[in-house]
Amino acid sequence: MTSEPELQQGVGEPDGFRRLWTPHRMAYIQGENKPTGPAPDDGCPFCSIPSLSDEDGLIIKRGVHAFAVLNLYPYNGGHLMLVPYRHVADYTELTDEETVEVALLTKQAMTALRAASGAHGFNIGMNQGAAAGAGIAAHLHQHVVPRWGGDTNFMPVVGHTKVLPQLLADTRKMLAEAWPQQ
């Protein structure tokens, strides 16, 4: 199906591209919700999230030493993070109990994501330090990103945009309901 480029008012020079505006991403780009320093009281969102309700904080599961929370700026639908309650930057600084709970929550997250959304695979990892790409380097967090065959399409490659088919509140509810009972 071919058609003539459609003129969109207010986008600059007319061209053949359509635009998908994602103004909510400006908060991430401009550093909103990022800590102002390395201490817990420097505005660390991972330190403040546990004081919120599960719904308001997008918390999926609370453990004794760590919790599972949706990423506000997800790479894919269902992208979540496992975060120790204690404000610690480096993996080697975790206690054995924290390390074990992050590992158990990782397994549970994979189980819940498979049950709730049929994930085919996962990217799991953490960026240690700002130089390694950690958006919030002062508070360790491990990412679990569900993947599906063919989930990479033209939008991220050409448009530098991810299309997420579900609101975060709905994703949180779906995953909380699918979380394995231990």
N, C-alpha and C. Protein backbone atom coordinates (compact mmCIF):
# COMPACT_ATOMS: atom_id res chain seq x y z
N MET A 1 0.84 -1.16 0.00
CA MET A 1 0.00 0.00 0.00
C MET A 1 0.89 1.23 0.00
N THR A 2 0.92 1.94 -1.07
CA THR A 2 1.73 3.16 -1.15
C THR A 2 0.82 4.36 -1.18
N SER A 3 1.31 5.42 -0.60
CA SER A 3 0.54 6.66 -0.62
C SER A 3 1.52 7.82 -0.60
N GLU A 4 1.02 8.97 -0.92
CA GLU A 4 1.84 10.17 -0.90
C GLU A 4 2.14 10.53 0.55
N PRO A 5 3.34 11.10 0.80
CA PRO A 5 3.63 11.55 2.17
C PRO A 5 2.55 12.50 2.65
N GLU A 6 2.18 12.33 3.89
CA GLU A 6 1.13 13.13 4.49
C GLU A 6 1.74 14.31 5.23
N LEU A 7 1.31 15.51 4.92
CA LEU A 7 1.81 16.70 5.57
C LEU A 7 1.25 16.75 6.99
N GLN A 8 2.16 16.83 7.96
CA GLN A 8 1.75 16.96 9.35
C GLN A 8 2.16 18.35 9.81
N GLN A 9 1.20 19.12 10.23
CA GLN A 9 1.46 20.49 10.66
C GLN A 9 2.31 20.52 11.92
N GLY A 10 3.27 21.44 11.97
CA GLY A 10 4.03 21.67 13.18
C GLY A 10 5.20 20.73 13.39
N VAL A 11 5.59 19.93 12.41
CA VAL A 11 6.70 19.00 12.61
C VAL A 11 7.95 19.43 11.88
N GLY A 12 7.95 20.61 11.32
CA GLY A 12 9.13 21.06 10.60
C GLY A 12 8.96 20.84 9.11
N GLU A 13 10.05 20.49 8.45
CA GLU A 13 10.01 20.27 7.01
C GLU A 13 9.18 19.03 6.67
N PRO A 14 8.29 19.15 5.69
CA PRO A 14 7.50 17.97 5.29
C PRO A 14 8.42 16.86 4.76
N ASP A 15 8.13 15.64 5.13
CA ASP A 15 8.86 14.49 4.63
C ASP A 15 7.92 13.29 4.64
N GLY A 16 8.42 12.14 4.30
CA GLY A 16 7.60 10.95 4.21
C GLY A 16 7.43 10.19 5.51
N PHE A 17 7.95 10.73 6.61
CA PHE A 17 7.88 10.01 7.88
C PHE A 17 6.65 10.40 8.67
N ARG A 18 6.06 9.41 9.30
CA ARG A 18 5.02 9.69 10.29
C ARG A 18 5.71 9.72 11.64
N ARG A 19 5.15 10.41 12.58
CA ARG A 19 5.78 10.53 13.88
C ARG A 19 4.91 9.94 14.98
N LEU A 20 5.56 9.26 15.87
CA LEU A 20 4.92 8.77 17.08
C LEU A 20 5.55 9.55 18.23
N TRP A 21 4.79 10.46 18.78
CA TRP A 21 5.33 11.34 19.82
C TRP A 21 5.28 10.61 21.15
N THR A 22 6.38 10.66 21.89
CA THR A 22 6.45 10.03 23.21
C THR A 22 6.99 11.04 24.22
N PRO A 23 6.21 12.07 24.52
CA PRO A 23 6.69 13.12 25.41
C PRO A 23 7.00 12.63 26.83
N HIS A 24 6.39 11.52 27.24
CA HIS A 24 6.68 11.00 28.58
C HIS A 24 8.14 10.59 28.73
N ARG A 25 8.84 10.31 27.63
CA ARG A 25 10.25 9.92 27.69
C ARG A 25 11.15 11.10 28.07
N MET A 26 10.66 12.34 27.92
CA MET A 26 11.48 13.49 28.27
C MET A 26 11.84 13.48 29.76
N ALA A 27 10.98 12.96 30.60
CA ALA A 27 11.29 12.87 32.03
C ALA A 27 12.56 12.06 32.23
N TYR A 28 12.69 10.95 31.53
CA TYR A 28 13.89 10.11 31.63
C TYR A 28 15.10 10.82 31.03
N ILE A 29 14.92 11.40 29.86
CA ILE A 29 16.03 12.07 29.18
C ILE A 29 16.57 13.23 30.02
N GLN A 30 15.67 13.95 30.68
CA GLN A 30 16.08 15.10 31.46
C GLN A 30 16.51 14.75 32.89
N GLY A 31 16.45 13.45 33.21
CA GLY A 31 16.94 13.01 34.51
C GLY A 31 15.96 13.11 35.65
N GLU A 32 14.68 13.25 35.36
CA GLU A 32 13.68 13.31 36.42
C GLU A 32 13.75 12.02 37.24
N ASN A 33 13.59 12.13 38.54
CA ASN A 33 13.62 11.01 39.48
C ASN A 33 15.02 10.43 39.67
N LYS A 34 16.04 11.07 39.15
CA LYS A 34 17.41 10.59 39.39
C LYS A 34 17.92 11.21 40.67
N PRO A 35 18.70 10.45 41.44
CA PRO A 35 19.26 11.00 42.67
C PRO A 35 20.20 12.17 42.38
N THR A 36 20.30 13.05 43.35
CA THR A 36 21.21 14.19 43.21
C THR A 36 22.60 13.87 43.73
N GLY A 37 22.75 12.74 44.42
CA GLY A 37 24.04 12.31 44.96
C GLY A 37 23.99 10.84 45.33
N PRO A 38 25.05 10.32 45.95
CA PRO A 38 25.15 8.89 46.22
C PRO A 38 24.46 8.39 47.49
N ALA A 39 24.04 9.29 48.38
CA ALA A 39 23.46 8.87 49.65
C ALA A 39 21.97 8.55 49.50
N PRO A 40 21.44 7.71 50.39
CA PRO A 40 20.01 7.36 50.31
C PRO A 40 19.09 8.57 50.38
N ASP A 41 19.48 9.61 51.12
CA ASP A 41 18.63 10.79 51.25
C ASP A 41 18.88 11.83 50.16
N ASP A 42 19.59 11.43 49.11
CA ASP A 42 19.84 12.31 47.96
C ASP A 42 18.79 12.11 46.86
N GLY A 43 17.62 11.65 47.23
CA GLY A 43 16.55 11.49 46.26
C GLY A 43 16.52 10.16 45.54
N CYS A 44 17.05 9.11 46.15
CA CYS A 44 17.08 7.80 45.50
C CYS A 44 15.66 7.23 45.39
N PRO A 45 15.18 7.01 44.16
CA PRO A 45 13.82 6.48 44.01
C PRO A 45 13.70 5.07 44.56
N PHE A 46 14.77 4.28 44.51
CA PHE A 46 14.69 2.90 45.01
C PHE A 46 14.58 2.86 46.53
N CYS A 47 15.00 3.92 47.20
CA CYS A 47 14.84 4.01 48.65
C CYS A 47 13.43 4.49 49.02
N SER A 48 12.82 5.30 48.16
CA SER A 48 11.50 5.84 48.48
C SER A 48 10.36 4.95 48.01
N ILE A 49 10.57 4.16 46.97
CA ILE A 49 9.50 3.31 46.43
C ILE A 49 8.88 2.39 47.48
N PRO A 50 9.67 1.73 48.35
CA PRO A 50 9.05 0.82 49.32
C PRO A 50 8.07 1.49 50.29
N SER A 51 8.15 2.81 50.46
CA SER A 51 7.21 3.49 51.35
C SER A 51 5.85 3.72 50.68
N LEU A 52 5.77 3.48 49.38
CA LEU A 52 4.52 3.66 48.64
C LEU A 52 3.70 2.37 48.66
N SER A 53 2.43 2.48 48.30
CA SER A 53 1.62 1.27 48.13
C SER A 53 2.17 0.51 46.94
N ASP A 54 1.86 -0.76 46.86
CA ASP A 54 2.33 -1.56 45.72
C ASP A 54 1.88 -0.95 44.40
N GLU A 55 0.63 -0.50 44.36
CA GLU A 55 0.08 0.07 43.13
C GLU A 55 0.79 1.38 42.75
N ASP A 56 0.97 2.27 43.72
CA ASP A 56 1.61 3.55 43.43
C ASP A 56 3.09 3.41 43.12
N GLY A 57 3.76 2.46 43.78
CA GLY A 57 5.18 2.25 43.55
C GLY A 57 5.48 1.27 42.44
N LEU A 58 4.44 0.68 41.83
CA LEU A 58 4.57 -0.35 40.79
C LEU A 58 5.36 -1.56 41.30
N ILE A 59 5.20 -1.84 42.59
CA ILE A 59 5.87 -2.99 43.21
C ILE A 59 5.06 -4.24 42.91
N ILE A 60 5.76 -5.25 42.44
CA ILE A 60 5.12 -6.52 42.10
C ILE A 60 5.20 -7.49 43.26
N LYS A 61 6.35 -7.53 43.93
CA LYS A 61 6.57 -8.47 45.03
C LYS A 61 7.53 -7.86 46.03
N ARG A 62 7.20 -7.97 47.31
CA ARG A 62 8.07 -7.52 48.39
C ARG A 62 8.64 -8.75 49.08
N GLY A 63 9.95 -8.77 49.22
CA GLY A 63 10.60 -9.81 49.98
C GLY A 63 11.10 -9.24 51.29
N VAL A 64 11.93 -9.99 51.99
CA VAL A 64 12.50 -9.55 53.26
C VAL A 64 13.66 -8.58 53.01
N HIS A 65 14.50 -8.88 52.01
CA HIS A 65 15.70 -8.10 51.74
C HIS A 65 15.67 -7.34 50.42
N ALA A 66 14.72 -7.65 49.55
CA ALA A 66 14.66 -7.05 48.22
C ALA A 66 13.22 -7.06 47.72
N PHE A 67 12.99 -6.29 46.65
CA PHE A 67 11.64 -6.23 46.08
C PHE A 67 11.73 -6.21 44.56
N ALA A 68 10.62 -6.56 43.92
CA ALA A 68 10.50 -6.52 42.46
C ALA A 68 9.60 -5.35 42.09
N VAL A 69 10.06 -4.54 41.13
CA VAL A 69 9.33 -3.33 40.75
C VAL A 69 9.41 -3.17 39.23
N LEU A 70 8.35 -2.65 38.63
CA LEU A 70 8.38 -2.36 37.20
C LEU A 70 9.31 -1.19 36.92
N ASN A 71 9.93 -1.22 35.77
CA ASN A 71 10.76 -0.12 35.31
C ASN A 71 9.85 0.97 34.74
N LEU A 72 10.03 2.21 35.18
CA LEU A 72 9.23 3.32 34.65
C LEU A 72 9.52 3.61 33.19
N TYR A 73 10.72 3.22 32.73
CA TYR A 73 11.14 3.48 31.36
C TYR A 73 11.53 2.16 30.71
N PRO A 74 10.55 1.28 30.49
CA PRO A 74 10.85 -0.10 30.08
C PRO A 74 11.37 -0.24 28.66
N TYR A 75 12.24 -1.23 28.48
CA TYR A 75 12.71 -1.60 27.15
C TYR A 75 11.66 -2.46 26.45
N ASN A 76 10.92 -3.23 27.20
CA ASN A 76 9.84 -4.08 26.70
C ASN A 76 8.75 -4.11 27.76
N GLY A 77 7.53 -4.47 27.34
CA GLY A 77 6.46 -4.65 28.30
C GLY A 77 6.85 -5.71 29.31
N GLY A 78 6.65 -5.43 30.59
CA GLY A 78 7.01 -6.38 31.64
C GLY A 78 8.42 -6.22 32.17
N HIS A 79 9.18 -5.26 31.65
CA HIS A 79 10.55 -5.01 32.12
C HIS A 79 10.49 -4.63 33.60
N LEU A 80 11.12 -5.45 34.42
CA LEU A 80 11.11 -5.18 35.85
C LEU A 80 12.52 -5.20 36.41
N MET A 81 12.62 -4.78 37.67
CA MET A 81 13.91 -4.73 38.34
C MET A 81 13.79 -5.35 39.72
N LEU A 82 14.87 -5.96 40.16
CA LEU A 82 14.96 -6.55 41.49
C LEU A 82 15.94 -5.67 42.27
N VAL A 83 15.48 -5.16 43.40
CA VAL A 83 16.21 -4.12 44.10
C VAL A 83 16.32 -4.47 45.58
N PRO A 84 17.54 -4.46 46.15
CA PRO A 84 17.64 -4.62 47.60
C PRO A 84 17.09 -3.38 48.29
N TYR A 85 16.48 -3.57 49.45
CA TYR A 85 15.99 -2.42 50.21
C TYR A 85 17.14 -1.53 50.64
N ARG A 86 18.25 -2.16 51.01
CA ARG A 86 19.40 -1.41 51.50
C ARG A 86 20.04 -0.64 50.36
N HIS A 87 20.39 0.59 50.61
CA HIS A 87 21.02 1.47 49.62
C HIS A 87 22.49 1.06 49.50
N VAL A 88 22.77 0.28 48.46
CA VAL A 88 24.12 -0.23 48.22
C VAL A 88 24.38 -0.17 46.73
N ALA A 89 25.59 0.23 46.34
CA ALA A 89 25.88 0.44 44.93
C ALA A 89 26.48 -0.77 44.23
N ASP A 90 27.30 -1.53 44.92
CA ASP A 90 28.10 -2.56 44.27
C ASP A 90 27.63 -3.96 44.66
N TYR A 91 27.58 -4.83 43.69
CA TYR A 91 27.13 -6.21 43.91
C TYR A 91 27.94 -6.90 45.00
N THR A 92 29.22 -6.61 45.07
CA THR A 92 30.08 -7.26 46.07
C THR A 92 29.76 -6.78 47.49
N GLU A 93 28.99 -5.72 47.62
CA GLU A 93 28.62 -5.20 48.94
C GLU A 93 27.33 -5.83 49.49
N LEU A 94 26.64 -6.63 48.67
CA LEU A 94 25.42 -7.28 49.15
C LEU A 94 25.77 -8.32 50.21
N THR A 95 24.87 -8.48 51.17
CA THR A 95 25.02 -9.57 52.12
C THR A 95 24.64 -10.87 51.41
N ASP A 96 24.98 -11.99 52.00
CA ASP A 96 24.60 -13.27 51.40
C ASP A 96 23.08 -13.39 51.31
N GLU A 97 22.38 -12.91 52.32
CA GLU A 97 20.92 -12.97 52.33
C GLU A 97 20.32 -12.13 51.20
N GLU A 98 20.87 -10.94 50.98
CA GLU A 98 20.40 -10.09 49.89
C GLU A 98 20.69 -10.75 48.54
N THR A 99 21.87 -11.32 48.38
CA THR A 99 22.24 -11.98 47.13
C THR A 99 21.29 -13.13 46.83
N VAL A 100 21.01 -13.93 47.83
CA VAL A 100 20.10 -15.07 47.64
C VAL A 100 18.70 -14.59 47.27
N GLU A 101 18.21 -13.57 47.96
CA GLU A 101 16.85 -13.12 47.66
C GLU A 101 16.74 -12.50 46.28
N VAL A 102 17.74 -11.74 45.84
CA VAL A 102 17.71 -11.20 44.48
C VAL A 102 17.69 -12.36 43.47
N ALA A 103 18.46 -13.40 43.73
CA ALA A 103 18.47 -14.57 42.84
C ALA A 103 17.10 -15.27 42.83
N LEU A 104 16.50 -15.45 43.99
CA LEU A 104 15.19 -16.10 44.06
C LEU A 104 14.12 -15.25 43.37
N LEU A 105 14.17 -13.95 43.59
CA LEU A 105 13.21 -13.06 42.92
C LEU A 105 13.39 -13.09 41.40
N THR A 106 14.63 -13.28 40.95
CA THR A 106 14.89 -13.40 39.51
C THR A 106 14.18 -14.63 38.95
N LYS A 107 14.32 -15.75 39.63
CA LYS A 107 13.64 -16.98 39.19
C LYS A 107 12.12 -16.79 39.19
N GLN A 108 11.61 -16.17 40.24
CA GLN A 108 10.17 -15.94 40.34
C GLN A 108 9.69 -14.98 39.26
N ALA A 109 10.48 -13.97 38.95
CA ALA A 109 10.12 -13.01 37.90
C ALA A 109 10.01 -13.72 36.56
N MET A 110 10.97 -14.59 36.26
CA MET A 110 10.93 -15.34 35.00
C MET A 110 9.68 -16.21 34.94
N THR A 111 9.37 -16.87 36.03
CA THR A 111 8.17 -17.73 36.09
C THR A 111 6.91 -16.90 35.86
N ALA A 112 6.81 -15.75 36.55
CA ALA A 112 5.63 -14.90 36.42
C ALA A 112 5.50 -14.33 35.01
N LEU A 113 6.60 -13.90 34.43
CA LEU A 113 6.56 -13.33 33.08
C LEU A 113 6.18 -14.38 32.05
N ARG A 114 6.66 -15.60 32.21
CA ARG A 114 6.25 -16.67 31.29
C ARG A 114 4.76 -16.96 31.43
N ALA A 115 4.27 -17.03 32.68
CA ALA A 115 2.85 -17.34 32.91
C ALA A 115 1.95 -16.21 32.43
N ALA A 116 2.33 -14.97 32.69
CA ALA A 116 1.46 -13.82 32.39
C ALA A 116 1.52 -13.38 30.94
N SER A 117 2.70 -13.51 30.32
CA SER A 117 2.83 -12.93 28.98
C SER A 117 3.46 -13.86 27.95
N GLY A 118 3.77 -15.08 28.36
CA GLY A 118 4.33 -16.03 27.40
C GLY A 118 5.71 -15.64 26.90
N ALA A 119 6.52 -15.01 27.75
CA ALA A 119 7.86 -14.60 27.34
C ALA A 119 8.65 -15.80 26.82
N HIS A 120 9.35 -15.60 25.71
CA HIS A 120 10.16 -16.67 25.10
C HIS A 120 11.58 -16.71 25.65
N GLY A 121 12.07 -15.57 26.14
CA GLY A 121 13.43 -15.48 26.65
C GLY A 121 13.56 -14.24 27.50
N PHE A 122 14.77 -14.01 28.01
CA PHE A 122 15.00 -12.88 28.92
C PHE A 122 16.39 -12.31 28.73
N ASN A 123 16.49 -11.01 28.93
CA ASN A 123 17.78 -10.36 29.15
C ASN A 123 17.79 -10.05 30.64
N ILE A 124 18.82 -10.55 31.33
CA ILE A 124 18.93 -10.35 32.78
C ILE A 124 20.31 -9.79 33.08
N GLY A 125 20.35 -8.70 33.84
CA GLY A 125 21.65 -8.17 34.20
C GLY A 125 21.57 -6.87 34.94
N MET A 126 22.76 -6.43 35.35
CA MET A 126 22.87 -5.15 36.05
C MET A 126 24.08 -4.39 35.54
N ASN A 127 23.94 -3.09 35.50
CA ASN A 127 25.02 -2.20 35.10
C ASN A 127 25.65 -1.66 36.38
N GLN A 128 26.89 -1.94 36.59
CA GLN A 128 27.59 -1.54 37.81
C GLN A 128 28.40 -0.28 37.55
N GLY A 129 27.90 0.86 38.01
CA GLY A 129 28.58 2.13 37.85
C GLY A 129 28.06 2.92 36.67
N ALA A 130 28.18 4.23 36.75
CA ALA A 130 27.72 5.12 35.68
C ALA A 130 28.46 4.83 34.38
N ALA A 131 29.76 4.51 34.46
CA ALA A 131 30.53 4.23 33.25
C ALA A 131 30.03 2.98 32.53
N ALA A 132 29.36 2.09 33.26
CA ALA A 132 28.82 0.86 32.67
C ALA A 132 27.38 1.04 32.22
N GLY A 133 26.84 2.25 32.38
CA GLY A 133 25.49 2.52 31.90
C GLY A 133 24.41 2.52 32.95
N ALA A 134 24.77 2.43 34.23
CA ALA A 134 23.74 2.43 35.27
C ALA A 134 23.08 3.81 35.34
N GLY A 135 21.77 3.83 35.16
CA GLY A 135 21.03 5.08 35.25
C GLY A 135 20.99 5.61 36.66
N ILE A 136 20.90 4.72 37.63
CA ILE A 136 20.97 5.07 39.04
C ILE A 136 22.07 4.19 39.63
N ALA A 137 23.29 4.69 39.57
CA ALA A 137 24.46 3.90 39.95
C ALA A 137 24.58 3.72 41.46
N ALA A 138 23.99 4.60 42.24
CA ALA A 138 24.16 4.56 43.68
C ALA A 138 23.36 3.45 44.36
N HIS A 139 22.36 2.89 43.69
CA HIS A 139 21.53 1.85 44.30
C HIS A 139 21.42 0.68 43.31
N LEU A 140 22.07 -0.40 43.66
CA LEU A 140 22.09 -1.60 42.82
C LEU A 140 20.68 -2.04 42.45
N HIS A 141 20.52 -2.46 41.23
CA HIS A 141 19.26 -3.03 40.76
C HIS A 141 19.55 -3.94 39.58
N GLN A 142 18.85 -5.06 39.54
CA GLN A 142 19.02 -6.02 38.45
C GLN A 142 17.80 -5.98 37.54
N HIS A 143 18.03 -5.89 36.25
CA HIS A 143 16.96 -5.83 35.27
C HIS A 143 16.57 -7.23 34.81
N VAL A 144 15.28 -7.44 34.60
CA VAL A 144 14.76 -8.62 33.94
C VAL A 144 13.87 -8.11 32.81
N VAL A 145 14.33 -8.33 31.58
CA VAL A 145 13.60 -7.84 30.41
C VAL A 145 13.08 -9.04 29.64
N PRO A 146 11.74 -9.21 29.58
CA PRO A 146 11.20 -10.33 28.81
C PRO A 146 11.36 -10.09 27.31
N ARG A 147 11.58 -11.17 26.59
CA ARG A 147 11.76 -11.08 25.13
C ARG A 147 10.87 -12.12 24.46
N TRP A 148 10.49 -11.80 23.23
CA TRP A 148 9.68 -12.69 22.40
C TRP A 148 10.31 -12.77 21.03
N GLY A 149 10.17 -13.90 20.38
CA GLY A 149 10.66 -14.02 19.01
C GLY A 149 10.04 -12.94 18.15
N GLY A 150 10.87 -12.17 17.46
CA GLY A 150 10.35 -11.12 16.58
C GLY A 150 9.97 -9.85 17.29
N ASP A 151 10.33 -9.69 18.58
CA ASP A 151 9.91 -8.48 19.29
C ASP A 151 10.70 -7.24 18.90
N THR A 152 11.79 -7.42 18.18
CA THR A 152 12.52 -6.27 17.69
C THR A 152 12.00 -5.95 16.30
N ASN A 153 11.41 -4.79 16.16
CA ASN A 153 10.87 -4.39 14.86
C ASN A 153 11.52 -3.08 14.44
N PHE A 154 10.95 -2.41 13.49
CA PHE A 154 11.54 -1.20 12.95
C PHE A 154 11.48 -0.02 13.91
N MET A 155 10.57 -0.01 14.86
CA MET A 155 10.40 1.16 15.71
C MET A 155 11.67 1.50 16.50
N PRO A 156 12.28 0.56 17.22
CA PRO A 156 13.49 0.92 17.96
C PRO A 156 14.67 1.23 17.04
N VAL A 157 14.73 0.55 15.92
CA VAL A 157 15.87 0.70 15.01
C VAL A 157 15.79 2.02 14.26
N VAL A 158 14.65 2.29 13.67
CA VAL A 158 14.50 3.49 12.85
C VAL A 158 13.99 4.68 13.65
N GLY A 159 13.01 4.42 14.50
CA GLY A 159 12.38 5.53 15.22
C GLY A 159 12.88 5.77 16.61
N HIS A 160 13.82 4.92 17.08
CA HIS A 160 14.32 5.03 18.45
C HIS A 160 13.18 5.13 19.44
N THR A 161 12.14 4.31 19.22
CA THR A 161 10.93 4.33 20.02
C THR A 161 10.49 2.91 20.28
N LYS A 162 10.10 2.61 21.51
CA LYS A 162 9.50 1.32 21.86
C LYS A 162 8.00 1.53 21.98
N VAL A 163 7.24 0.65 21.41
CA VAL A 163 5.80 0.70 21.53
C VAL A 163 5.40 -0.32 22.59
N LEU A 164 4.80 0.15 23.66
CA LEU A 164 4.38 -0.73 24.75
C LEU A 164 2.87 -0.83 24.72
N PRO A 165 2.34 -2.05 24.64
CA PRO A 165 0.91 -2.22 24.43
C PRO A 165 0.06 -2.17 25.70
N GLN A 166 0.67 -1.93 26.85
CA GLN A 166 -0.08 -2.03 28.09
C GLN A 166 0.39 -0.96 29.07
N LEU A 167 -0.54 -0.39 29.84
CA LEU A 167 -0.18 0.58 30.86
C LEU A 167 0.57 -0.12 31.98
N LEU A 168 1.51 0.60 32.62
CA LEU A 168 2.32 0.00 33.68
C LEU A 168 1.47 -0.52 34.83
N ALA A 169 0.41 0.18 35.20
CA ALA A 169 -0.45 -0.29 36.29
C ALA A 169 -1.09 -1.63 35.94
N ASP A 170 -1.49 -1.80 34.68
CA ASP A 170 -2.08 -3.07 34.25
C ASP A 170 -1.03 -4.18 34.22
N THR A 171 0.18 -3.85 33.79
CA THR A 171 1.26 -4.83 33.77
C THR A 171 1.60 -5.25 35.20
N ARG A 172 1.67 -4.30 36.13
CA ARG A 172 1.96 -4.61 37.53
C ARG A 172 0.93 -5.58 38.09
N LYS A 173 -0.34 -5.30 37.85
CA LYS A 173 -1.43 -6.16 38.37
C LYS A 173 -1.33 -7.56 37.77
N MET A 174 -1.10 -7.65 36.48
CA MET A 174 -1.01 -8.94 35.80
C MET A 174 0.15 -9.77 36.36
N LEU A 175 1.31 -9.13 36.56
CA LEU A 175 2.47 -9.87 37.06
C LEU A 175 2.32 -10.23 38.54
N ALA A 176 1.74 -9.33 39.33
CA ALA A 176 1.52 -9.64 40.75
C ALA A 176 0.60 -10.85 40.90
N GLU A 177 -0.41 -10.94 40.04
CA GLU A 177 -1.32 -12.08 40.09
C GLU A 177 -0.65 -13.37 39.61
N ALA A 178 0.31 -13.25 38.72
CA ALA A 178 1.00 -14.43 38.18
C ALA A 178 2.23 -14.83 39.01
N TRP A 179 2.62 -13.99 39.98
CA TRP A 179 3.84 -14.24 40.75
C TRP A 179 3.69 -15.55 41.51
N PRO A 180 4.69 -16.43 41.47
CA PRO A 180 4.59 -17.72 42.18
C PRO A 180 4.47 -17.52 43.69
N GLN A 181 3.62 -18.28 44.31
CA GLN A 181 3.46 -18.23 45.76
C GLN A 181 4.51 -19.13 46.39
N GLN A 182 5.35 -18.56 47.23
CA GLN A 182 6.43 -19.33 47.86
C GLN A 182 6.21 -19.42 49.34
